[in-house]
């Protein structure tokens, strides 16, 4: 495991998820643990996902070859996983701009044909 030398949570502990909220691009958890713990989410590890513990950025690790994990200190904490794919956002922006340009070109050509037909 590449993360082994970076993690301080070494023993099994009984962390509990007190509350959870799942949406398509975000997972919010309220977690309490008596000792530092690893929170493992059975969600595919993919680079656009980011993690936060109490609003501060946290390192997201690969767990069990496919899932997401992050280290959480002892105590009660708000944990958030957020999917923010900038490449998708840029691609959507380019697509919308292209569609707007094509629509403008289409209407401009239609207007020119209408003017040309007018006696």
N, C-alpha and C. Protein backbone atom coordinates (compact mmCIF):
# COMPACT_ATOMS: atom_id res chain seq x y z
N UNK A 1 0.85 -1.18 0.00
CA UNK A 1 0.00 0.00 0.00
C UNK A 1 0.89 1.24 0.00
N UNK A 2 0.68 2.12 -0.95
CA UNK A 2 1.49 3.33 -1.08
C UNK A 2 1.29 4.29 0.08
N UNK A 3 0.16 4.25 0.72
CA UNK A 3 -0.17 5.19 1.79
C UNK A 3 0.36 4.77 3.15
N UNK A 4 0.83 3.56 3.28
CA UNK A 4 1.19 3.00 4.58
C UNK A 4 2.14 3.89 5.38
N UNK A 5 3.13 4.45 4.75
CA UNK A 5 4.10 5.27 5.47
C UNK A 5 3.54 6.65 5.85
N UNK A 6 2.40 7.05 5.29
CA UNK A 6 1.82 8.36 5.57
C UNK A 6 0.71 8.31 6.62
N UNK A 7 0.20 7.13 6.92
CA UNK A 7 -0.95 7.00 7.80
C UNK A 7 -0.55 6.77 9.25
N UNK A 8 -1.33 7.36 10.16
CA UNK A 8 -1.09 7.16 11.59
C UNK A 8 -2.10 6.21 12.21
N UNK A 9 -3.21 5.97 11.55
CA UNK A 9 -4.23 5.04 12.04
C UNK A 9 -3.73 3.63 11.77
N UNK A 10 -3.30 2.94 12.82
CA UNK A 10 -2.69 1.63 12.64
C UNK A 10 -3.50 0.49 13.27
N UNK A 11 -4.35 0.79 14.22
CA UNK A 11 -5.12 -0.26 14.90
C UNK A 11 -6.58 -0.21 14.47
N UNK A 12 -7.22 -1.34 14.62
CA UNK A 12 -8.65 -1.39 14.35
C UNK A 12 -9.37 -0.60 15.44
N UNK A 13 -10.31 0.22 15.03
CA UNK A 13 -11.09 1.02 15.96
C UNK A 13 -12.54 1.01 15.53
N UNK A 14 -13.41 1.38 16.41
CA UNK A 14 -14.84 1.34 16.11
C UNK A 14 -15.37 2.73 15.80
N UNK A 15 -15.18 3.18 14.59
CA UNK A 15 -15.72 4.46 14.14
C UNK A 15 -17.18 4.26 13.76
N UNK A 16 -17.99 5.28 13.99
CA UNK A 16 -19.42 5.18 13.68
C UNK A 16 -19.84 6.36 12.80
N UNK A 17 -20.66 6.03 11.82
CA UNK A 17 -21.25 7.07 10.97
C UNK A 17 -22.59 7.44 11.61
N UNK A 18 -22.68 8.68 12.09
CA UNK A 18 -23.88 9.14 12.78
C UNK A 18 -24.94 9.64 11.81
N UNK A 19 -24.50 10.21 10.69
CA UNK A 19 -25.43 10.76 9.71
C UNK A 19 -24.76 10.71 8.34
N UNK A 20 -25.56 10.54 7.29
CA UNK A 20 -25.00 10.51 5.94
C UNK A 20 -25.98 11.12 4.96
N UNK A 21 -25.43 11.70 3.92
CA UNK A 21 -26.23 12.30 2.84
C UNK A 21 -25.48 12.07 1.53
N UNK A 22 -26.13 11.38 0.58
CA UNK A 22 -25.51 11.04 -0.70
C UNK A 22 -26.24 11.74 -1.84
N UNK A 23 -25.48 12.37 -2.73
CA UNK A 23 -26.00 12.90 -3.98
C UNK A 23 -25.07 12.41 -5.09
N UNK A 24 -25.36 12.78 -6.32
CA UNK A 24 -24.55 12.31 -7.46
C UNK A 24 -23.10 12.77 -7.40
N UNK A 25 -22.85 13.96 -6.87
CA UNK A 25 -21.51 14.52 -6.88
C UNK A 25 -20.95 14.81 -5.50
N UNK A 26 -21.63 14.34 -4.47
CA UNK A 26 -21.16 14.66 -3.12
C UNK A 26 -21.67 13.64 -2.11
N UNK A 27 -20.81 13.32 -1.16
CA UNK A 27 -21.17 12.45 -0.04
C UNK A 27 -20.79 13.20 1.23
N UNK A 28 -21.74 13.36 2.13
CA UNK A 28 -21.48 14.03 3.41
C UNK A 28 -21.73 13.05 4.54
N UNK A 29 -20.78 12.96 5.45
CA UNK A 29 -20.88 12.04 6.58
C UNK A 29 -20.57 12.78 7.88
N UNK A 30 -21.22 12.37 8.94
CA UNK A 30 -20.86 12.82 10.29
C UNK A 30 -20.33 11.56 10.97
N UNK A 31 -19.02 11.57 11.29
CA UNK A 31 -18.35 10.38 11.80
C UNK A 31 -17.74 10.67 13.16
N UNK A 32 -17.81 9.70 14.06
CA UNK A 32 -17.17 9.82 15.36
C UNK A 32 -16.33 8.56 15.59
N UNK A 33 -15.11 8.77 16.10
CA UNK A 33 -14.20 7.66 16.35
C UNK A 33 -13.36 7.96 17.59
N UNK A 34 -13.11 6.95 18.43
CA UNK A 34 -12.31 7.16 19.64
C UNK A 34 -10.82 7.34 19.35
N UNK A 35 -10.36 6.88 18.20
CA UNK A 35 -8.95 6.96 17.81
C UNK A 35 -8.88 7.36 16.34
N UNK A 36 -7.68 7.76 15.87
CA UNK A 36 -7.54 8.02 14.42
C UNK A 36 -8.02 6.80 13.63
N UNK A 37 -8.75 7.06 12.56
CA UNK A 37 -9.39 5.98 11.80
C UNK A 37 -9.29 6.22 10.31
N UNK A 38 -9.49 5.16 9.57
CA UNK A 38 -9.64 5.26 8.12
C UNK A 38 -11.11 5.12 7.80
N UNK A 39 -11.64 6.07 7.08
CA UNK A 39 -13.01 6.00 6.60
C UNK A 39 -12.92 5.49 5.17
N UNK A 40 -13.50 4.33 4.92
CA UNK A 40 -13.47 3.72 3.59
C UNK A 40 -14.87 3.81 3.00
N UNK A 41 -14.94 4.36 1.82
CA UNK A 41 -16.20 4.53 1.11
C UNK A 41 -16.22 3.56 -0.05
N UNK A 42 -17.25 2.73 -0.12
CA UNK A 42 -17.37 1.75 -1.21
C UNK A 42 -17.82 2.45 -2.48
N UNK A 43 -16.97 3.32 -2.94
CA UNK A 43 -17.21 4.09 -4.15
C UNK A 43 -15.91 4.07 -4.94
N UNK A 44 -16.00 3.94 -6.23
CA UNK A 44 -14.82 3.79 -7.06
C UNK A 44 -13.85 4.95 -6.90
N UNK A 45 -12.59 4.62 -6.69
CA UNK A 45 -11.55 5.63 -6.61
C UNK A 45 -11.34 6.20 -8.00
N UNK A 46 -11.48 7.51 -8.12
CA UNK A 46 -11.30 8.18 -9.41
C UNK A 46 -10.74 9.56 -9.11
N UNK A 47 -9.75 10.00 -9.86
CA UNK A 47 -8.98 11.21 -9.53
C UNK A 47 -9.77 12.50 -9.36
N UNK A 48 -10.95 12.72 -9.98
CA UNK A 48 -11.65 13.99 -9.73
C UNK A 48 -12.30 14.08 -8.34
N UNK A 49 -12.38 12.98 -7.60
CA UNK A 49 -12.95 13.05 -6.25
C UNK A 49 -11.98 13.74 -5.30
N UNK A 50 -12.51 14.59 -4.43
CA UNK A 50 -11.74 15.28 -3.39
C UNK A 50 -12.39 14.99 -2.06
N UNK A 51 -11.60 15.10 -0.99
CA UNK A 51 -12.14 14.84 0.35
C UNK A 51 -11.82 15.98 1.29
N UNK A 52 -12.70 16.18 2.26
CA UNK A 52 -12.50 17.20 3.29
C UNK A 52 -12.90 16.62 4.64
N UNK A 53 -12.17 17.00 5.66
CA UNK A 53 -12.54 16.68 7.04
C UNK A 53 -12.67 18.02 7.76
N UNK A 54 -13.86 18.31 8.24
CA UNK A 54 -14.16 19.58 8.90
C UNK A 54 -13.81 20.79 8.03
N UNK A 55 -14.07 20.69 6.74
CA UNK A 55 -13.83 21.79 5.82
C UNK A 55 -12.40 21.94 5.34
N UNK A 56 -11.50 21.10 5.83
CA UNK A 56 -10.10 21.16 5.39
C UNK A 56 -9.81 20.01 4.44
N UNK A 57 -9.05 20.31 3.42
CA UNK A 57 -8.70 19.30 2.43
C UNK A 57 -7.98 18.11 3.09
N UNK A 58 -8.35 16.92 2.67
CA UNK A 58 -7.74 15.69 3.19
C UNK A 58 -7.29 14.83 2.02
N UNK A 59 -6.23 14.08 2.22
CA UNK A 59 -5.73 13.20 1.17
C UNK A 59 -6.66 12.02 0.99
N UNK A 60 -7.04 11.76 -0.23
CA UNK A 60 -7.89 10.63 -0.57
C UNK A 60 -7.01 9.50 -1.06
N UNK A 61 -7.13 8.36 -0.42
CA UNK A 61 -6.29 7.19 -0.74
C UNK A 61 -7.12 6.12 -1.43
N UNK A 62 -6.42 5.27 -2.19
CA UNK A 62 -7.06 4.11 -2.80
C UNK A 62 -7.09 2.99 -1.75
N UNK A 63 -8.26 2.38 -1.56
CA UNK A 63 -8.40 1.29 -0.59
C UNK A 63 -8.91 0.04 -1.30
N UNK A 64 -8.34 -1.10 -0.97
CA UNK A 64 -8.76 -2.39 -1.55
C UNK A 64 -8.77 -2.35 -3.08
N UNK A 65 -7.81 -1.68 -3.66
CA UNK A 65 -7.58 -1.56 -5.10
C UNK A 65 -8.60 -0.72 -5.85
N UNK A 66 -9.78 -0.48 -5.29
CA UNK A 66 -10.81 0.19 -6.07
C UNK A 66 -11.60 1.26 -5.33
N UNK A 67 -11.55 1.26 -4.01
CA UNK A 67 -12.41 2.16 -3.25
C UNK A 67 -11.66 3.38 -2.74
N UNK A 68 -12.40 4.29 -2.09
CA UNK A 68 -11.82 5.52 -1.55
C UNK A 68 -11.65 5.41 -0.04
N UNK A 69 -10.57 5.98 0.47
CA UNK A 69 -10.35 6.01 1.91
C UNK A 69 -9.68 7.32 2.29
N UNK A 70 -9.98 7.78 3.50
CA UNK A 70 -9.27 8.94 4.02
C UNK A 70 -9.07 8.74 5.51
N UNK A 71 -8.00 9.34 6.00
CA UNK A 71 -7.69 9.24 7.41
C UNK A 71 -8.38 10.37 8.16
N UNK A 72 -8.95 10.01 9.29
CA UNK A 72 -9.69 10.97 10.10
C UNK A 72 -9.14 10.92 11.53
N UNK A 73 -8.90 12.07 12.15
CA UNK A 73 -8.42 12.08 13.53
C UNK A 73 -9.50 11.62 14.50
N UNK A 74 -9.12 11.35 15.72
CA UNK A 74 -10.08 10.94 16.74
C UNK A 74 -11.08 12.06 17.00
N UNK A 75 -12.29 11.68 17.38
CA UNK A 75 -13.33 12.65 17.70
C UNK A 75 -14.45 12.64 16.68
N UNK A 76 -15.33 13.62 16.79
CA UNK A 76 -16.46 13.76 15.87
C UNK A 76 -16.08 14.73 14.76
N UNK A 77 -16.36 14.35 13.51
CA UNK A 77 -15.94 15.17 12.37
C UNK A 77 -16.98 15.11 11.25
N UNK A 78 -17.03 16.20 10.49
CA UNK A 78 -17.83 16.25 9.28
C UNK A 78 -16.91 15.90 8.12
N UNK A 79 -17.26 14.85 7.41
CA UNK A 79 -16.45 14.36 6.29
C UNK A 79 -17.24 14.58 5.01
N UNK A 80 -16.55 15.06 3.99
CA UNK A 80 -17.21 15.34 2.71
C UNK A 80 -16.35 14.84 1.56
N UNK A 81 -16.97 14.10 0.66
CA UNK A 81 -16.34 13.67 -0.59
C UNK A 81 -17.05 14.45 -1.70
N UNK A 82 -16.28 15.12 -2.56
CA UNK A 82 -16.86 15.96 -3.61
C UNK A 82 -16.26 15.57 -4.95
N UNK A 83 -17.13 15.38 -5.94
CA UNK A 83 -16.68 15.08 -7.29
C UNK A 83 -16.62 16.38 -8.08
N UNK A 84 -15.44 16.78 -8.50
CA UNK A 84 -15.26 18.03 -9.25
C UNK A 84 -14.37 17.74 -10.46
N UNK A 85 -15.01 17.41 -11.57
CA UNK A 85 -14.28 17.06 -12.79
C UNK A 85 -14.16 18.29 -13.68
N UNK A 86 -13.03 18.98 -13.61
CA UNK A 86 -12.82 20.21 -14.38
C UNK A 86 -12.80 19.95 -15.89
N UNK A 87 -12.28 18.81 -16.31
CA UNK A 87 -12.26 18.49 -17.74
C UNK A 87 -13.69 18.41 -18.28
N UNK A 88 -14.60 17.84 -17.50
CA UNK A 88 -16.01 17.78 -17.91
C UNK A 88 -16.60 19.18 -18.00
N UNK A 89 -16.29 20.03 -17.03
CA UNK A 89 -16.80 21.40 -17.03
C UNK A 89 -16.30 22.17 -18.25
N UNK A 90 -15.00 22.05 -18.55
CA UNK A 90 -14.44 22.74 -19.71
C UNK A 90 -15.05 22.21 -21.00
N UNK A 91 -15.23 20.91 -21.08
CA UNK A 91 -15.85 20.30 -22.26
C UNK A 91 -17.28 20.79 -22.44
N UNK A 92 -18.02 20.90 -21.35
CA UNK A 92 -19.39 21.41 -21.42
C UNK A 92 -19.41 22.86 -21.89
N UNK A 93 -18.48 23.65 -21.39
CA UNK A 93 -18.39 25.06 -21.79
C UNK A 93 -18.10 25.17 -23.29
N UNK A 94 -17.13 24.40 -23.78
CA UNK A 94 -16.78 24.43 -25.20
C UNK A 94 -17.98 23.98 -26.04
N UNK A 95 -18.69 22.94 -25.58
CA UNK A 95 -19.87 22.47 -26.33
C UNK A 95 -20.95 23.54 -26.39
N UNK A 96 -21.21 24.22 -25.28
CA UNK A 96 -22.24 25.27 -25.26
C UNK A 96 -21.85 26.45 -26.15
N UNK A 97 -20.58 26.84 -26.10
CA UNK A 97 -20.12 27.94 -26.95
C UNK A 97 -20.21 27.57 -28.43
N UNK A 98 -19.86 26.35 -28.75
CA UNK A 98 -19.95 25.88 -30.13
C UNK A 98 -21.41 25.86 -30.60
N UNK A 99 -22.30 25.37 -29.76
CA UNK A 99 -23.72 25.35 -30.10
C UNK A 99 -24.24 26.77 -30.32
N UNK A 100 -23.86 27.69 -29.45
CA UNK A 100 -24.29 29.09 -29.60
C UNK A 100 -23.75 29.70 -30.90
N UNK A 101 -22.50 29.41 -31.23
CA UNK A 101 -21.91 29.93 -32.47
C UNK A 101 -22.62 29.35 -33.69
N UNK A 102 -22.93 28.06 -33.67
CA UNK A 102 -23.65 27.45 -34.80
C UNK A 102 -25.06 28.00 -34.93
N UNK A 103 -25.73 28.22 -33.80
CA UNK A 103 -27.08 28.80 -33.85
C UNK A 103 -27.02 30.22 -34.41
N UNK A 104 -26.05 31.00 -33.99
CA UNK A 104 -25.91 32.37 -34.50
C UNK A 104 -25.63 32.35 -36.00
N UNK A 105 -24.78 31.45 -36.45
CA UNK A 105 -24.46 31.33 -37.87
C UNK A 105 -25.69 30.92 -38.67
N UNK A 106 -26.45 29.96 -38.13
CA UNK A 106 -27.66 29.50 -38.80
C UNK A 106 -28.67 30.64 -38.97
N UNK A 107 -28.91 31.38 -37.90
CA UNK A 107 -29.88 32.49 -37.97
C UNK A 107 -29.37 33.64 -38.84
N UNK A 108 -28.06 33.86 -38.84
CA UNK A 108 -27.49 34.90 -39.70
C UNK A 108 -27.68 34.53 -41.17
N UNK A 109 -27.42 33.28 -41.53
CA UNK A 109 -27.60 32.83 -42.93
C UNK A 109 -29.07 32.91 -43.32
N UNK A 110 -29.97 32.53 -42.39
CA UNK A 110 -31.40 32.61 -42.67
C UNK A 110 -31.85 34.04 -42.87
N UNK A 111 -31.31 34.97 -42.09
CA UNK A 111 -31.63 36.38 -42.23
C UNK A 111 -31.13 36.92 -43.57
N UNK A 112 -29.92 36.49 -43.98
CA UNK A 112 -29.37 36.95 -45.27
C UNK A 112 -30.22 36.44 -46.42
N UNK A 113 -30.74 35.21 -46.32
CA UNK A 113 -31.60 34.67 -47.39
C UNK A 113 -32.91 35.44 -47.45
N UNK A 114 -33.45 35.79 -46.30
CA UNK A 114 -34.70 36.55 -46.25
C UNK A 114 -34.51 37.92 -46.86
N UNK A 115 -33.41 38.59 -46.57
CA UNK A 115 -33.13 39.91 -47.14
C UNK A 115 -32.91 39.81 -48.63
N UNK A 116 -32.24 38.76 -49.10
CA UNK A 116 -31.96 38.58 -50.53
C UNK A 116 -33.24 38.36 -51.32
N UNK A 117 -34.27 37.74 -50.73
CA UNK A 117 -35.52 37.45 -51.42
C UNK A 117 -36.46 38.65 -51.44
N UNK A 118 -36.23 39.61 -50.60
CA UNK A 118 -37.11 40.78 -50.52
C UNK A 118 -36.90 41.66 -51.74
N UNK A 119 -38.01 42.01 -52.47
CA UNK A 119 -37.86 42.84 -53.69
C UNK A 119 -37.54 44.28 -53.40
